[in-house]
């Protein structure tokens, strides 16, 4: 039939014949009509930068970007919590009974305890560092726990602002005087701070380790602000 038509007429006839009919004549298999428009629509749809990024990037969850928190327990009673990963740093608190639950946020290396240099940073029940030797875990550092970021060392040396600053047994002018500092500019070493009697509106008092042990009002030291940044709470 095609052979009986001229070239122009044959082309026109072939264009008018439905695809499914032509396929039946020639013995071809044609995909379902519904699939073709869908694929064409998908190909024609614009791809945004955000969509491309989502397609190429692996799936992530919000939890992956958070700091992993581990809940463990203590192996001893009265475990010391310190301001730094060292048994020479300021004592922040003492935990209670053996088996006390602690929340650990990261680990750091510090003073070895029975050959173990790993310390854990706690966010609860008190903030500070404890040696991992006294925490119930077989492996230190705990698997999957992030390493603590290095913080700038806390400044713990200041100077007296006036002559003869009194050092007392507690954070108030009602406590007994242990001694006096020297002239203005005398250097002192503080270990921690606590709230006490307000001196000119300043409630911060610092516990000194040098040149005398005792408490001095923050108002009389050149801390710049009270409580001083980096100094732990007593």
Protein backbone atom coordinates (compact mmCIF):
# COMPACT_ATOMS: atom_id res chain seq x y z
CA UNK A 1 0.00 0.00 0.00
CA UNK A 2 2.84 2.34 0.86
CA UNK A 3 4.55 1.50 -2.39
CA UNK A 4 1.57 2.71 -4.43
CA UNK A 5 1.79 6.26 -3.01
CA UNK A 6 4.10 8.99 -4.15
CA UNK A 7 6.83 10.20 -1.82
CA UNK A 8 4.89 13.28 -0.61
CA UNK A 9 1.64 11.40 -0.13
CA UNK A 10 3.37 8.49 1.60
CA UNK A 11 5.01 10.87 4.07
CA UNK A 12 1.71 12.57 4.77
CA UNK A 13 -0.05 9.24 5.28
CA UNK A 14 2.65 7.92 7.60
CA UNK A 15 2.46 11.06 9.71
CA UNK A 16 -1.32 10.67 10.02
CA UNK A 17 -1.24 7.01 11.05
CA UNK A 18 -1.40 6.57 14.87
CA UNK A 19 1.78 5.23 16.47
CA UNK A 20 0.00 2.25 17.96
CA UNK A 21 -1.42 1.22 14.58
CA UNK A 22 1.96 1.51 12.90
CA UNK A 23 3.55 -0.51 15.68
CA UNK A 24 1.00 -3.27 15.22
CA UNK A 25 1.73 -3.37 11.47
CA UNK A 26 5.51 -3.47 11.97
CA UNK A 27 5.48 -5.73 15.05
CA UNK A 28 7.08 -3.18 17.39
CA UNK A 29 6.55 -2.67 21.13
CA UNK A 30 5.68 0.84 22.24
CA UNK A 31 5.88 1.88 25.95
CA UNK A 32 2.66 2.86 27.69
CA UNK A 33 1.54 6.36 26.80
CA UNK A 34 1.37 7.44 30.43
CA UNK A 35 5.08 6.77 31.02
CA UNK A 36 6.31 9.01 28.20
CA UNK A 37 4.67 12.25 29.36
CA UNK A 38 5.87 11.65 32.90
CA UNK A 39 9.46 11.19 31.78
CA UNK A 40 9.25 14.22 29.52
CA UNK A 41 7.83 16.32 32.36
CA UNK A 42 10.58 15.22 34.69
CA UNK A 43 13.22 16.05 32.11
CA UNK A 44 11.72 19.44 31.45
CA UNK A 45 11.31 20.41 35.12
CA UNK A 46 13.93 23.01 36.19
CA UNK A 47 16.50 21.85 38.73
CA UNK A 48 17.21 24.42 41.45
CA UNK A 49 20.55 24.75 43.23
CA UNK A 50 18.97 23.59 46.50
CA UNK A 51 17.42 20.59 44.80
CA UNK A 52 20.72 19.64 43.20
CA UNK A 53 22.48 19.89 46.55
CA UNK A 54 19.87 17.67 48.20
CA UNK A 55 20.17 15.13 45.40
CA UNK A 56 23.96 14.95 45.51
CA UNK A 57 24.50 15.19 49.28
CA UNK A 58 24.07 12.09 51.48
CA UNK A 59 21.13 12.07 53.86
CA UNK A 60 21.91 13.69 57.21
CA UNK A 61 20.01 14.13 60.44
CA UNK A 62 19.96 16.97 62.94
CA UNK A 63 21.35 14.62 65.57
CA UNK A 64 24.58 14.27 63.57
CA UNK A 65 25.29 17.96 64.03
CA UNK A 66 24.63 18.01 67.78
CA UNK A 67 27.13 17.27 70.49
CA UNK A 68 26.75 13.66 71.50
CA UNK A 69 25.91 13.26 75.18
CA UNK A 70 26.74 10.09 77.09
CA UNK A 71 25.14 9.00 80.37
CA UNK A 72 27.44 6.95 82.62
CA UNK A 73 27.92 6.30 86.34
CA UNK A 74 30.71 6.78 88.87
CA UNK A 75 32.75 3.93 90.34
CA UNK A 76 33.55 5.61 93.66
CA UNK A 77 31.91 7.81 96.26
CA UNK A 78 32.76 11.53 96.39
CA UNK A 79 34.43 11.75 92.98
CA UNK A 80 36.16 15.14 92.57
CA UNK A 81 34.96 17.47 89.79
CA UNK A 82 37.66 19.94 88.76
CA UNK A 83 37.86 23.08 86.66
CA UNK A 84 40.48 21.55 84.34
CA UNK A 85 41.59 18.02 83.42
CA UNK A 86 44.19 17.98 86.17
CA UNK A 87 44.22 16.88 89.79
CA UNK A 88 45.98 20.17 90.60
CA UNK A 89 43.21 22.41 89.24
CA UNK A 90 40.49 23.99 91.36
CA UNK A 91 38.00 21.64 92.99
CA UNK A 92 34.52 22.52 91.71
CA UNK A 93 32.45 19.89 93.54
CA UNK A 94 32.33 16.39 94.97
CA UNK A 95 29.80 13.94 93.61
CA UNK A 96 27.70 11.77 95.90
CA UNK A 97 27.44 8.04 96.25
CA UNK A 98 29.01 5.43 94.04
CA UNK A 99 26.83 4.90 90.97
CA UNK A 100 25.91 8.58 90.63
CA UNK A 101 24.69 9.27 87.08
CA UNK A 102 26.78 11.80 85.16
CA UNK A 103 26.29 13.47 81.78
CA UNK A 104 29.46 13.53 79.66
CA UNK A 105 29.86 15.87 76.68
CA UNK A 106 33.49 15.36 75.57
CA UNK A 107 36.92 14.06 76.58
CA UNK A 108 40.38 15.59 77.02
CA UNK A 109 43.86 14.48 78.01
CA UNK A 110 45.23 15.58 81.33
CA UNK A 111 47.05 14.39 84.42
CA UNK A 112 47.34 10.56 84.28
CA UNK A 113 45.47 8.75 87.05
CA UNK A 114 46.83 5.19 87.49
CA UNK A 115 48.33 5.58 84.01
CA UNK A 116 45.05 6.77 82.42
CA UNK A 117 45.34 10.35 80.97
CA UNK A 118 41.72 10.62 79.75
CA UNK A 119 39.36 13.04 81.51
CA UNK A 120 35.66 13.59 80.82
CA UNK A 121 33.87 16.93 80.81
CA UNK A 122 30.57 16.82 82.68
CA UNK A 123 27.49 18.96 82.09
CA UNK A 124 25.61 17.36 85.00
CA UNK A 125 25.04 17.05 87.86
CA UNK A 126 27.93 19.59 88.06
CA UNK A 127 29.98 21.17 85.30
CA UNK A 128 33.68 20.33 85.23
CA UNK A 129 36.17 17.53 84.60
CA UNK A 130 36.52 14.10 86.17
CA UNK A 131 39.12 11.44 85.51
CA UNK A 132 37.76 8.62 83.36
CA UNK A 133 39.47 6.10 85.63
CA UNK A 134 36.60 6.41 88.10
CA UNK A 135 33.81 6.31 85.48
CA UNK A 136 32.08 3.04 84.58
CA UNK A 137 33.34 2.38 81.06
CA UNK A 138 35.69 -0.32 79.80
CA UNK A 139 37.17 1.86 77.07
CA UNK A 140 38.54 5.39 77.43
CA UNK A 141 37.77 7.62 75.70
CA UNK A 142 34.21 6.36 75.28
CA UNK A 143 33.56 5.27 71.65
CA UNK A 144 32.00 8.02 69.53
CA UNK A 145 32.53 10.75 72.13
CA UNK A 146 33.97 13.98 70.71
CA UNK A 147 37.21 15.48 71.95
CA UNK A 148 36.84 18.71 73.92
CA UNK A 149 37.89 21.91 72.19
CA UNK A 150 40.87 23.54 73.78
CA UNK A 151 39.88 26.52 75.86
CA UNK A 152 42.09 29.43 76.71
CA UNK A 153 43.71 28.88 80.09
CA UNK A 154 41.83 30.61 82.87
CA UNK A 155 43.54 33.62 84.35
CA UNK A 156 43.81 33.12 88.10
CA UNK A 157 46.27 35.81 89.09
CA UNK A 158 45.13 39.31 89.92
CA UNK A 159 46.27 42.32 91.94
CA UNK A 160 44.95 44.23 94.92
CA UNK A 161 43.44 47.60 94.03
CA UNK A 162 44.11 49.20 97.42
CA UNK A 163 46.50 48.87 100.34
CA UNK A 164 45.83 46.40 103.13
CA UNK A 165 43.02 44.36 101.60
CA UNK A 166 41.65 42.00 104.25
CA UNK A 167 41.62 38.22 103.77
CA UNK A 168 38.82 36.51 105.73
CA UNK A 169 37.65 33.02 106.64
CA UNK A 170 34.44 33.46 104.62
CA UNK A 171 32.74 35.66 101.99
CA UNK A 172 31.57 38.44 104.30
CA UNK A 173 32.95 41.24 106.45
CA UNK A 174 31.46 39.39 109.42
CA UNK A 175 34.02 36.59 109.10
CA UNK A 176 37.27 36.63 111.00
CA UNK A 177 40.25 38.40 109.44
CA UNK A 178 43.13 36.02 108.68
CA UNK A 179 45.52 38.70 107.50
CA UNK A 180 46.02 41.59 105.11
CA UNK A 181 47.53 41.93 101.68
CA UNK A 182 50.37 44.39 101.18
CA UNK A 183 50.31 47.54 99.10
CA UNK A 184 48.10 48.21 96.09
CA UNK A 185 49.29 46.00 93.24
CA UNK A 186 50.08 43.01 95.47
CA UNK A 187 49.64 39.81 93.45
CA UNK A 188 47.09 37.21 94.53
CA UNK A 189 46.21 33.76 93.19
CA UNK A 190 42.52 32.82 93.20
CA UNK A 191 41.09 29.30 92.95
CA UNK A 192 37.34 29.98 92.68
CA UNK A 193 34.58 32.47 93.41
CA UNK A 194 31.37 32.46 95.44
CA UNK A 195 28.53 34.85 96.27
CA UNK A 196 28.71 36.75 99.53
CA UNK A 197 28.18 40.13 101.11
CA UNK A 198 27.81 42.91 98.55
CA UNK A 199 30.69 45.39 98.60
CA UNK A 200 29.60 48.49 96.68
CA UNK A 201 27.07 46.33 94.81
CA UNK A 202 29.57 43.53 94.00
CA UNK A 203 28.53 40.15 95.47
CA UNK A 204 31.54 38.15 94.19
CA UNK A 205 34.18 36.94 96.65
CA UNK A 206 37.30 35.02 95.66
CA UNK A 207 39.02 32.25 97.54
CA UNK A 208 42.77 32.87 97.56
CA UNK A 209 45.53 30.31 97.67
CA UNK A 210 48.38 32.88 97.73
CA UNK A 211 49.82 34.84 99.41
CA UNK A 212 47.30 33.83 102.08
CA UNK A 213 44.47 31.33 102.10
CA UNK A 214 41.04 32.84 102.60
CA UNK A 215 38.40 35.02 100.98
CA UNK A 216 38.64 38.52 99.54
CA UNK A 217 35.90 40.70 98.05
CA UNK A 218 36.06 40.90 94.26
CA UNK A 219 35.61 44.67 94.48
CA UNK A 220 39.17 44.94 95.82
CA UNK A 221 40.81 42.98 92.95
CA UNK A 222 41.55 44.06 89.36
CA UNK A 223 39.46 41.29 87.76
CA UNK A 224 37.80 43.70 85.34
CA UNK A 225 34.46 41.99 85.88
CA UNK A 226 32.91 39.76 88.53
CA UNK A 227 32.82 36.88 88.53
CA UNK A 228 36.00 36.80 86.44
CA UNK A 229 35.73 34.82 83.22
CA UNK A 230 37.20 31.33 83.49
CA UNK A 231 37.31 31.22 87.28
CA UNK A 232 35.12 28.30 88.50
CA UNK A 233 32.45 28.57 91.16
CA UNK A 234 33.52 27.28 94.56
